[in-house]
Amino acid sequence: MTVVVTSGYAKTSFTYAYYTQVTVGTTSTRLTSVDTHLMRGVLIKADNDNTGNVYVGGVPSVTTSNGFRLAAGEGVLIEIDNANKVYMIADASNQKVHVIGV
């Protein structure tokens, strides 16, 4: 039996990737001010050593009450065309997130 697998998208390198580490505090901040032109989306992972939670949202007014909560070590994949459309806030100072987008 022969199995043929086809895909509409195959990328073998990080030619178009965006990756960074961001420190998040208790004031809403944009993930990046850089125009990233993503093809797939962005993966955001809260650092394993964070002592607080990070909250992710799509508006500058994201808060700890209306954002998507990431505890230490948790992550979220957001299908979006530009990382500069993502905002974050934390419930403690100096929380870190790791970001990669393709």
PDB file of N, CA and C in Angstrom:
ATOM      1  N   MET A   1       0.835  -1.168   0.000  1.00  0.00           N
ATOM      2  CA  MET A   1       0.000   0.000   0.000  1.00  0.00           C
ATOM      3  C   MET A   1       0.887   1.240   0.000  1.00  0.00           C
ATOM      4  N   THR A   2       0.580   2.208  -0.847  1.00  0.00           N
ATOM      5  CA  THR A   2       1.324   3.455  -0.937  1.00  0.00           C
ATOM      6  C   THR A   2       0.469   4.582  -0.383  1.00  0.00           C
ATOM      7  N   VAL A   3       1.078   5.373   0.481  1.00  0.00           N
ATOM      8  CA  VAL A   3       0.389   6.518   1.058  1.00  0.00           C
ATOM      9  C   VAL A   3       1.078   7.775   0.542  1.00  0.00           C
ATOM     10  N   VAL A   4       0.314   8.666  -0.040  1.00  0.00           N
ATOM     11  CA  VAL A   4       0.843   9.927  -0.538  1.00  0.00           C
ATOM     12  C   VAL A   4       0.332  11.038   0.364  1.00  0.00           C
ATOM     13  N   VAL A   5       1.259  11.783   0.893  1.00  0.00           N
ATOM     14  CA  VAL A   5       0.891  12.889   1.774  1.00  0.00           C
ATOM     15  C   VAL A   5       1.214  14.189   1.058  1.00  0.00           C
ATOM     16  N   THR A   6       0.216  15.054   0.969  1.00  0.00           N
ATOM     17  CA  THR A   6       0.447  16.360   0.362  1.00  0.00           C
ATOM     18  C   THR A   6       0.099  17.436   1.372  1.00  0.00           C
ATOM     19  N   SER A   7       0.693  18.553   1.206  1.00  0.00           N
ATOM     20  CA  SER A   7       0.458  19.660   2.119  1.00  0.00           C
ATOM     21  C   SER A   7       0.425  20.954   1.328  1.00  0.00           C
ATOM     22  N   GLY A   8      -0.417  21.859   1.742  1.00  0.00           N
ATOM     23  CA  GLY A   8      -0.491  23.155   1.101  1.00  0.00           C
ATOM     24  C   GLY A   8       0.613  24.096   1.549  1.00  0.00           C
ATOM     25  N   TYR A   9       1.359  23.724   2.567  1.00  0.00           N
ATOM     26  CA  TYR A   9       2.394  24.586   3.098  1.00  0.00           C
ATOM     27  C   TYR A   9       3.516  23.742   3.657  1.00  0.00           C
ATOM     28  N   ALA A  10       4.713  23.993   3.231  1.00  0.00           N
ATOM     29  CA  ALA A  10       5.877  23.297   3.775  1.00  0.00           C
ATOM     30  C   ALA A  10       7.030  24.281   3.847  1.00  0.00           C
ATOM     31  N   LYS A  11       7.521  24.520   5.011  1.00  0.00           N
ATOM     32  CA  LYS A  11       8.637  25.436   5.210  1.00  0.00           C
ATOM     33  C   LYS A  11       9.743  24.676   5.927  1.00  0.00           C
ATOM     34  N   THR A  12      10.919  24.675   5.380  1.00  0.00           N
ATOM     35  CA  THR A  12      12.005  23.903   5.963  1.00  0.00           C
ATOM     36  C   THR A  12      13.034  24.761   6.672  1.00  0.00           C
ATOM     37  N   SER A  13      12.819  26.066   6.708  1.00  0.00           N
ATOM     38  CA  SER A  13      13.751  26.944   7.404  1.00  0.00           C
ATOM     39  C   SER A  13      12.979  28.072   8.078  1.00  0.00           C
ATOM     40  N   PHE A  14      13.688  28.854   8.858  1.00  0.00           N
ATOM     41  CA  PHE A  14      13.072  29.974   9.556  1.00  0.00           C
ATOM     42  C   PHE A  14      13.284  31.279   8.804  1.00  0.00           C
ATOM     43  N   THR A  15      13.245  31.235   7.508  1.00  0.00           N
ATOM     44  CA  THR A  15      13.483  32.418   6.692  1.00  0.00           C
ATOM     45  C   THR A  15      12.565  33.568   7.097  1.00  0.00           C
ATOM     46  N   TYR A  16      11.310  33.275   7.371  1.00  0.00           N
ATOM     47  CA  TYR A  16      10.344  34.322   7.694  1.00  0.00           C
ATOM     48  C   TYR A  16       9.997  34.362   9.175  1.00  0.00           C
ATOM     49  N   ALA A  17      10.772  33.696   9.993  1.00  0.00           N
ATOM     50  CA  ALA A  17      10.434  33.580  11.408  1.00  0.00           C
ATOM     51  C   ALA A  17      10.762  34.844  12.187  1.00  0.00           C
ATOM     52  N   TYR A  18       9.997  35.048  13.218  1.00  0.00           N
ATOM     53  CA  TYR A  18      10.230  36.114  14.185  1.00  0.00           C
ATOM     54  C   TYR A  18      10.391  35.423  15.525  1.00  0.00           C
ATOM     55  N   TYR A  19      11.439  35.719  16.245  1.00  0.00           N
ATOM     56  CA  TYR A  19      11.611  35.106  17.550  1.00  0.00           C
ATOM     57  C   TYR A  19      12.261  36.105  18.488  1.00  0.00           C
ATOM     58  N   THR A  20      11.842  36.058  19.733  1.00  0.00           N
ATOM     59  CA  THR A  20      12.356  37.000  20.720  1.00  0.00           C
ATOM     60  C   THR A  20      11.958  36.530  22.115  1.00  0.00           C
ATOM     61  N   GLN A  21      12.491  37.194  23.100  1.00  0.00           N
ATOM     62  CA  GLN A  21      12.085  37.030  24.491  1.00  0.00           C
ATOM     63  C   GLN A  21      11.653  38.406  24.970  1.00  0.00           C
ATOM     64  N   VAL A  22      10.510  38.481  25.634  1.00  0.00           N
ATOM     65  CA  VAL A  22       9.952  39.760  26.058  1.00  0.00           C
ATOM     66  C   VAL A  22       9.739  39.741  27.562  1.00  0.00           C
ATOM     67  N   THR A  23      10.084  40.842  28.211  1.00  0.00           N
ATOM     68  CA  THR A  23       9.788  41.008  29.631  1.00  0.00           C
ATOM     69  C   THR A  23       8.485  41.779  29.750  1.00  0.00           C
ATOM     70  N   VAL A  24       7.561  41.222  30.528  1.00  0.00           N
ATOM     71  CA  VAL A  24       6.226  41.796  30.677  1.00  0.00           C
ATOM     72  C   VAL A  24       6.051  42.270  32.117  1.00  0.00           C
ATOM     73  N   GLY A  25       5.457  43.443  32.256  1.00  0.00           N
ATOM     74  CA  GLY A  25       5.205  43.993  33.579  1.00  0.00           C
ATOM     75  C   GLY A  25       3.725  44.205  33.821  1.00  0.00           C
ATOM     76  N   THR A  26       3.409  45.069  34.754  1.00  0.00           N
ATOM     77  CA  THR A  26       2.017  45.282  35.167  1.00  0.00           C
ATOM     78  C   THR A  26       1.308  46.370  34.362  1.00  0.00           C
ATOM     79  N   THR A  27       1.937  46.810  33.276  1.00  0.00           N
ATOM     80  CA  THR A  27       1.318  47.754  32.349  1.00  0.00           C
ATOM     81  C   THR A  27       1.186  47.066  30.997  1.00  0.00           C
ATOM     82  N   SER A  28       0.039  47.217  30.352  1.00  0.00           N
ATOM     83  CA  SER A  28      -0.176  46.584  29.052  1.00  0.00           C
ATOM     84  C   SER A  28       0.897  47.024  28.061  1.00  0.00           C
ATOM     85  N   THR A  29       1.447  46.052  27.356  1.00  0.00           N
ATOM     86  CA  THR A  29       2.495  46.334  26.387  1.00  0.00           C
ATOM     87  C   THR A  29       2.284  45.516  25.126  1.00  0.00           C
ATOM     88  N   ARG A  30       2.690  46.069  24.018  1.00  0.00           N
ATOM     89  CA  ARG A  30       2.599  45.362  22.737  1.00  0.00           C
ATOM     90  C   ARG A  30       3.699  44.311  22.693  1.00  0.00           C
ATOM     91  N   LEU A  31       3.386  43.152  22.144  1.00  0.00           N
ATOM     92  CA  LEU A  31       4.372  42.079  22.036  1.00  0.00           C
ATOM     93  C   LEU A  31       5.622  42.558  21.317  1.00  0.00           C
ATOM     94  N   THR A  32       5.453  43.309  20.241  1.00  0.00           N
ATOM     95  CA  THR A  32       6.564  43.912  19.513  1.00  0.00           C
ATOM     96  C   THR A  32       6.058  45.109  18.731  1.00  0.00           C
ATOM     97  N   SER A  33       6.922  46.077  18.523  1.00  0.00           N
ATOM     98  CA  SER A  33       6.552  47.201  17.669  1.00  0.00           C
ATOM     99  C   SER A  33       7.009  46.954  16.233  1.00  0.00           C
ATOM    100  N   VAL A  34       7.732  45.861  16.025  1.00  0.00           N
ATOM    101  CA  VAL A  34       8.249  45.497  14.703  1.00  0.00           C
ATOM    102  C   VAL A  34       7.132  44.921  13.846  1.00  0.00           C
ATOM    103  N   ASP A  35       7.090  45.300  12.580  1.00  0.00           N
ATOM    104  CA  ASP A  35       6.138  44.748  11.627  1.00  0.00           C
ATOM    105  C   ASP A  35       6.679  43.393  11.180  1.00  0.00           C
ATOM    106  N   THR A  36       6.063  42.284  11.624  1.00  0.00           N
ATOM    107  CA  THR A  36       6.656  40.960  11.454  1.00  0.00           C
ATOM    108  C   THR A  36       6.179  40.182  10.235  1.00  0.00           C
ATOM    109  N   HIS A  37       5.037  40.510   9.650  1.00  0.00           N
ATOM    110  CA  HIS A  37       4.508  39.815   8.474  1.00  0.00           C
ATOM    111  C   HIS A  37       4.587  38.295   8.612  1.00  0.00           C
ATOM    112  N   LEU A  38       3.851  37.750   9.544  1.00  0.00           N
ATOM    113  CA  LEU A  38       3.842  36.313   9.784  1.00  0.00           C
ATOM    114  C   LEU A  38       3.006  35.596   8.740  1.00  0.00           C
ATOM    115  N   MET A  39       3.386  34.369   8.426  1.00  0.00           N
ATOM    116  CA  MET A  39       2.633  33.570   7.469  1.00  0.00           C
ATOM    117  C   MET A  39       1.655  32.626   8.168  1.00  0.00           C
ATOM    118  N   ARG A  40       1.959  32.204   9.377  1.00  0.00           N
ATOM    119  CA  ARG A  40       1.129  31.242  10.107  1.00  0.00           C
ATOM    120  C   ARG A  40       0.548  31.798  11.399  1.00  0.00           C
ATOM    121  N   GLY A  41       1.418  32.360  12.222  1.00  0.00           N
ATOM    122  CA  GLY A  41       0.971  32.841  13.516  1.00  0.00           C
ATOM    123  C   GLY A  41       2.132  32.972  14.471  1.00  0.00           C
ATOM    124  N   VAL A  42       1.813  33.100  15.746  1.00  0.00           N
ATOM    125  CA  VAL A  42       2.826  33.306  16.765  1.00  0.00           C
ATOM    126  C   VAL A  42       2.564  32.372  17.949  1.00  0.00           C
ATOM    127  N   LEU A  43       3.636  31.763  18.453  1.00  0.00           N
ATOM    128  CA  LEU A  43       3.571  30.921  19.639  1.00  0.00           C
ATOM    129  C   LEU A  43       4.181  31.707  20.785  1.00  0.00           C
ATOM    130  N   ILE A  44       3.421  31.845  21.863  1.00  0.00           N
ATOM    131  CA  ILE A  44       3.871  32.584  23.039  1.00  0.00           C
ATOM    132  C   ILE A  44       3.902  31.608  24.204  1.00  0.00           C
ATOM    133  N   LYS A  45       5.058  31.517  24.877  1.00  0.00           N
ATOM    134  CA  LYS A  45       5.205  30.606  26.020  1.00  0.00           C
ATOM    135  C   LYS A  45       5.723  31.391  27.212  1.00  0.00           C
ATOM    136  N   ALA A  46       5.011  31.289  28.336  1.00  0.00           N
ATOM    137  CA  ALA A  46       5.459  31.931  29.568  1.00  0.00           C
ATOM    138  C   ALA A  46       6.673  31.179  30.102  1.00  0.00           C
ATOM    139  N   ASP A  47       7.670  31.925  30.548  1.00  0.00           N
ATOM    140  CA  ASP A  47       8.892  31.316  31.065  1.00  0.00           C
ATOM    141  C   ASP A  47       8.579  30.396  32.247  1.00  0.00           C
ATOM    142  N   ASN A  48       9.300  29.287  32.327  1.00  0.00           N
ATOM    143  CA  ASN A  48       9.088  28.313  33.404  1.00  0.00           C
ATOM    144  C   ASN A  48       9.362  28.902  34.786  1.00  0.00           C
ATOM    145  N   ASP A  49      10.211  29.915  34.871  1.00  0.00           N
ATOM    146  CA  ASP A  49      10.587  30.495  36.160  1.00  0.00           C
ATOM    147  C   ASP A  49       9.742  31.700  36.563  1.00  0.00           C
ATOM    148  N   ASN A  50       8.712  32.031  35.793  1.00  0.00           N
ATOM    149  CA  ASN A  50       7.843  33.152  36.165  1.00  0.00           C
ATOM    150  C   ASN A  50       7.209  32.913  37.520  1.00  0.00           C
ATOM    151  N   THR A  51       7.069  33.971  38.299  1.00  0.00           N
ATOM    152  CA  THR A  51       6.404  33.876  39.598  1.00  0.00           C
ATOM    153  C   THR A  51       4.961  34.351  39.537  1.00  0.00           C
ATOM    154  N   GLY A  52       4.585  34.964  38.413  1.00  0.00           N
ATOM    155  CA  GLY A  52       3.215  35.450  38.222  1.00  0.00           C
ATOM    156  C   GLY A  52       2.658  34.937  36.918  1.00  0.00           C
ATOM    157  N   ASN A  53       1.478  35.409  36.578  1.00  0.00           N
ATOM    158  CA  ASN A  53       0.809  35.033  35.333  1.00  0.00           C
ATOM    159  C   ASN A  53       0.959  36.141  34.301  1.00  0.00           C
ATOM    160  N   VAL A  54       0.944  35.749  33.041  1.00  0.00           N
ATOM    161  CA  VAL A  54       0.946  36.684  31.933  1.00  0.00           C
ATOM    162  C   VAL A  54      -0.407  36.555  31.240  1.00  0.00           C
ATOM    163  N   TYR A  55      -0.978  37.672  30.818  1.00  0.00           N
ATOM    164  CA  TYR A  55      -2.281  37.687  30.161  1.00  0.00           C
ATOM    165  C   TYR A  55      -2.105  38.242  28.759  1.00  0.00           C
ATOM    166  N   VAL A  56      -2.675  37.553  27.783  1.00  0.00           N
ATOM    167  CA  VAL A  56      -2.511  37.896  26.373  1.00  0.00           C
ATOM    168  C   VAL A  56      -3.851  38.342  25.803  1.00  0.00           C
ATOM    169  N   GLY A  57      -3.814  39.369  24.958  1.00  0.00           N
ATOM    170  CA  GLY A  57      -5.029  39.841  24.314  1.00  0.00           C
ATOM    171  C   GLY A  57      -4.733  40.532  23.000  1.00  0.00           C
ATOM    172  N   GLY A  58      -5.781  40.937  22.318  1.00  0.00           N
ATOM    173  CA  GLY A  58      -5.640  41.557  21.013  1.00  0.00           C
ATOM    174  C   GLY A  58      -5.889  43.050  21.001  1.00  0.00           C
ATOM    175  N   VAL A  59      -5.978  43.648  22.175  1.00  0.00           N
ATOM    176  CA  VAL A  59      -6.212  45.100  22.241  1.00  0.00           C
ATOM    177  C   VAL A  59      -5.272  45.710  23.284  1.00  0.00           C
ATOM    178  N   PRO A  60      -4.912  46.996  23.112  1.00  0.00           N
ATOM    179  CA  PRO A  60      -4.016  47.639  24.077  1.00  0.00           C
ATOM    180  C   PRO A  60      -4.571  47.653  25.499  1.00  0.00           C
ATOM    181  N   SER A  61      -5.878  47.537  25.627  1.00  0.00           N
ATOM    182  CA  SER A  61      -6.507  47.586  26.947  1.00  0.00           C
ATOM    183  C   SER A  61      -6.611  46.218  27.616  1.00  0.00           C
ATOM    184  N   VAL A  62      -5.792  45.232  27.188  1.00  0.00           N
ATOM    185  CA  VAL A  62      -5.826  43.921  27.833  1.00  0.00           C
ATOM    186  C   VAL A  62      -5.482  44.098  29.317  1.00  0.00           C
ATOM    187  N   THR A  63      -6.202  43.361  30.164  1.00  0.00           N
ATOM    188  CA  THR A  63      -5.982  43.431  31.607  1.00  0.00           C
ATOM    189  C   THR A  63      -5.871  42.021  32.168  1.00  0.00           C
ATOM    190  N   THR A  64      -5.597  41.959  33.450  1.00  0.00           N
ATOM    191  CA  THR A  64      -5.556  40.665  34.121  1.00  0.00           C
ATOM    192  C   THR A  64      -6.955  40.078  34.280  1.00  0.00           C
ATOM    193  N   SER A  65      -7.972  40.864  34.001  1.00  0.00           N
ATOM    194  CA  SER A  65      -9.364  40.388  34.079  1.00  0.00           C
ATOM    195  C   SER A  65      -9.911  39.905  32.744  1.00  0.00           C
ATOM    196  N   ASN A  66      -9.384  40.448  31.627  1.00  0.00           N
ATOM    197  CA  ASN A  66      -9.975  40.060  30.339  1.00  0.00           C
ATOM    198  C   ASN A  66      -8.992  39.367  29.387  1.00  0.00           C
ATOM    199  N   GLY A  67      -7.724  39.197  29.801  1.00  0.00           N
ATOM    200  CA  GLY A  67      -6.740  38.540  28.946  1.00  0.00           C
ATOM    201  C   GLY A  67      -6.761  37.027  29.089  1.00  0.00           C
ATOM    202  N   PHE A  68      -6.106  36.360  28.159  1.00  0.00           N
ATOM    203  CA  PHE A  68      -5.957  34.896  28.195  1.00  0.00           C
ATOM    204  C   PHE A  68      -4.769  34.589  29.094  1.00  0.00           C
ATOM    205  N   ARG A  69      -5.014  33.901  30.213  1.00  0.00           N
ATOM    206  CA  ARG A  69      -3.991  33.695  31.247  1.00  0.00           C
ATOM    207  C   ARG A  69      -3.005  32.596  30.873  1.00  0.00           C
ATOM    208  N   LEU A  70      -1.713  32.916  31.037  1.00  0.00           N
ATOM    209  CA  LEU A  70      -0.645  31.938  30.892  1.00  0.00           C
ATOM    210  C   LEU A  70       0.124  31.862  32.203  1.00  0.00           C
ATOM    211  N   ALA A  71       0.036  30.724  32.864  1.00  0.00           N
ATOM    212  CA  ALA A  71       0.843  30.494  34.058  1.00  0.00           C
ATOM    213  C   ALA A  71       2.248  30.079  33.606  1.00  0.00           C
ATOM    214  N   ALA A  72       3.178  30.026  34.524  1.00  0.00           N
ATOM    215  CA  ALA A  72       4.549  29.640  34.202  1.00  0.00           C
ATOM    216  C   ALA A  72       4.569  28.329  33.418  1.00  0.00           C
ATOM    217  N   GLY A  73       5.272  28.337  32.289  1.00  0.00           N
ATOM    218  CA  GLY A  73       5.411  27.142  31.465  1.00  0.00           C
ATOM    219  C   GLY A  73       4.298  26.906  30.466  1.00  0.00           C
ATOM    220  N   GLU A  74       3.219  27.660  30.546  1.00  0.00           N
ATOM    221  CA  GLU A  74       2.112  27.485  29.605  1.00  0.00           C
ATOM    222  C   GLU A  74       2.334  28.310  28.353  1.00  0.00           C
ATOM    223  N   GLY A  75       1.689  27.894  27.262  1.00  0.00           N
ATOM    224  CA  GLY A  75       1.827  28.611  26.009  1.00  0.00           C
ATOM    225  C   GLY A  75       0.526  28.649  25.244  1.00  0.00           C
ATOM    226  N   VAL A  76       0.514  29.489  24.209  1.00  0.00           N
ATOM    227  CA  VAL A  76      -0.658  29.609  23.355  1.00  0.00           C
ATOM    228  C   VAL A  76      -0.182  29.891  21.934  1.00  0.00           C
ATOM    229  N   LEU A  77      -0.841  29.290  20.973  1.00  0.00           N
ATOM    230  CA  LEU A  77      -0.575  29.545  19.566  1.00  0.00           C
ATOM    231  C   LEU A  77      -1.695  30.436  19.047  1.00  0.00           C
ATOM    232  N   ILE A  78      -1.324  31.572  18.474  1.00  0.00           N
ATOM    233  CA  ILE A  78      -2.304  32.507  17.945  1.00  0.00           C
ATOM    234  C   ILE A  78      -2.100  32.615  16.445  1.00  0.00           C
ATOM    235  N   GLU A  79      -3.115  32.258  15.691  1.00  0.00           N
ATOM    236  CA  GLU A  79      -3.043  32.405  14.240  1.00  0.00           C
ATOM    237  C   GLU A  79      -3.321  33.867  13.909  1.00  0.00           C
ATOM    238  N   ILE A  80      -2.249  34.571  13.507  1.00  0.00           N
ATOM    239  CA  ILE A  80      -2.335  36.003  13.257  1.00  0.00           C
ATOM    240  C   ILE A  80      -1.269  36.377  12.242  1.00  0.00           C
ATOM    241  N   ASP A  81      -1.487  37.438  11.503  1.00  0.00           N
ATOM    242  CA  ASP A  81      -0.551  37.803  10.440  1.00  0.00           C
ATOM    243  C   ASP A  81       0.567  38.738  10.883  1.00  0.00           C
ATOM    244  N   ASN A  82       0.504  39.252  12.119  1.00  0.00           N
ATOM    245  CA  ASN A  82       1.532  40.168  12.574  1.00  0.00           C
ATOM    246  C   ASN A  82       1.587  40.152  14.105  1.00  0.00           C
ATOM    247  N   ALA A  83       2.769  39.926  14.661  1.00  0.00           N
ATOM    248  CA  ALA A  83       2.925  39.850  16.117  1.00  0.00           C
ATOM    249  C   ALA A  83       2.673  41.185  16.795  1.00  0.00           C
ATOM    250  N   ASN A  84       2.732  42.290  16.050  1.00  0.00           N
ATOM    251  CA  ASN A  84       2.504  43.593  16.681  1.00  0.00           C
ATOM    252  C   ASN A  84       1.028  43.850  16.984  1.00  0.00           C
ATOM    253  N   LYS A  85       0.171  42.891  16.699  1.00  0.00           N
ATOM    254  CA  LYS A  85      -1.253  43.000  17.024  1.00  0.00           C
ATOM    255  C   LYS A  85      -1.584  42.331  18.365  1.00  0.00           C
ATOM    256  N   VAL A  86      -0.564  41.803  19.033  1.00  0.00           N
ATOM    257  CA  VAL A  86      -0.755  41.076  20.286  1.00  0.00           C
ATOM    258  C   VAL A  86      -0.252  41.939  21.445  1.00  0.00           C
ATOM    259  N   TYR A  87      -1.034  41.984  22.519  1.00  0.00           N
ATOM    260  CA  TYR A  87      -0.684  42.757  23.709  1.00  0.00           C
ATOM    261  C   TYR A  87      -0.648  41.838  24.919  1.00  0.00           C
ATOM    262  N   MET A  88       0.152  42.228  25.925  1.00  0.00           N
ATOM    263  CA  MET A  88       0.289  41.415  27.132  1.00  0.00           C
ATOM    264  C   MET A  88       0.375  42.301  28.364  1.00  0.00           C
ATOM    265  N   ILE A  89       0.032  41.702  29.484  1.00  0.00           N
ATOM    266  CA  ILE A  89       0.192  42.335  30.788  1.00  0.00           C
ATOM    267  C   ILE A  89       0.431  41.196  31.778  1.00  0.00           C
ATOM    268  N   ALA A  90       1.073  41.488  32.895  1.00  0.00           N
ATOM    269  CA  ALA A  90       1.323  40.467  33.913  1.00  0.00           C
ATOM    270  C   ALA A  90       0.787  40.943  35.259  1.00  0.00           C
ATOM    271  N   ASP A  91       0.591  39.999  36.161  1.00  0.00           N
ATOM    272  CA  ASP A  91       0.138  40.380  37.497  1.00  0.00           C
ATOM    273  C   ASP A  91       1.304  40.547  38.471  1.00  0.00           C
ATOM    274  N   ALA A  92       2.537  40.477  37.942  1.00  0.00           N
ATOM    275  CA  ALA A  92       3.753  40.724  38.714  1.00  0.00           C
ATOM    276  C   ALA A  92       4.798  41.319  37.760  1.00  0.00           C
ATOM    277  N   SER A  93       5.741  42.040  38.294  1.00  0.00           N
ATOM    278  CA  SER A  93       6.778  42.657  37.465  1.00  0.00           C
ATOM    279  C   SER A  93       7.765  41.629  36.931  1.00  0.00           C
ATOM    280  N   ASN A  94       8.398  41.966  35.824  1.00  0.00           N
ATOM    281  CA  ASN A  94       9.507  41.199  35.261  1.00  0.00           C
ATOM    282  C   ASN A  94       9.191  39.743  34.936  1.00  0.00           C
ATOM    283  N   GLN A  95       8.032  39.510  34.352  1.00  0.00           N
ATOM    284  CA  GLN A  95       7.691  38.170  33.876  1.00  0.00           C
ATOM    285  C   GLN A  95       8.196  38.046  32.437  1.00  0.00           C
ATOM    286  N   LYS A  96       8.634  36.876  32.041  1.00  0.00           N
ATOM    287  CA  LYS A  96       9.198  36.697  30.698  1.00  0.00           C
ATOM    288  C   LYS A  96       8.321  35.789  29.859  1.00  0.00           C
ATOM    289  N   VAL A  97       8.275  36.085  28.563  1.00  0.00           N
ATOM    290  CA  VAL A  97       7.650  35.193  27.604  1.00  0.00           C
ATOM    291  C   VAL A  97       8.623  34.964  26.448  1.00  0.00           C
ATOM    292  N   HIS A  98       8.556  33.797  25.887  1.00  0.00           N
ATOM    293  CA  HIS A  98       9.358  33.433  24.723  1.00  0.00           C
ATOM    294  C   HIS A  98       8.413  33.375  23.536  1.00  0.00           C
ATOM    295  N   VAL A  99       8.847  33.939  22.420  1.00  0.00           N
ATOM    296  CA  VAL A  99       7.973  34.121  21.271  1.00  0.00           C
ATOM    297  C   VAL A  99       8.657  33.596  20.016  1.00  0.00           C
ATOM    298  N   ILE A 100       7.900  32.861  19.218  1.00  0.00           N
ATOM    299  CA  ILE A 100       8.370  32.485  17.896  1.00  0.00           C
ATOM    300  C   ILE A 100       7.183  32.556  16.953  1.00  0.00           C
ATOM    301  N   GLY A 101       7.403  33.139  15.800  1.00  0.00           N
ATOM    302  CA  GLY A 101       6.342  33.270  14.818  1.00  0.00           C
ATOM    303  C   GLY A 101       6.839  32.893  13.440  1.00  0.00           C
ATOM    304  N   VAL A 102       5.984  32.284  12.679  1.00  0.00           N
ATOM    305  CA  VAL A 102       6.339  31.913  11.296  1.00  0.00           C
ATOM    306  C   VAL A 102       5.204  32.277  10.371  1.00  0.00           C
TER     307      VAL A 102
END
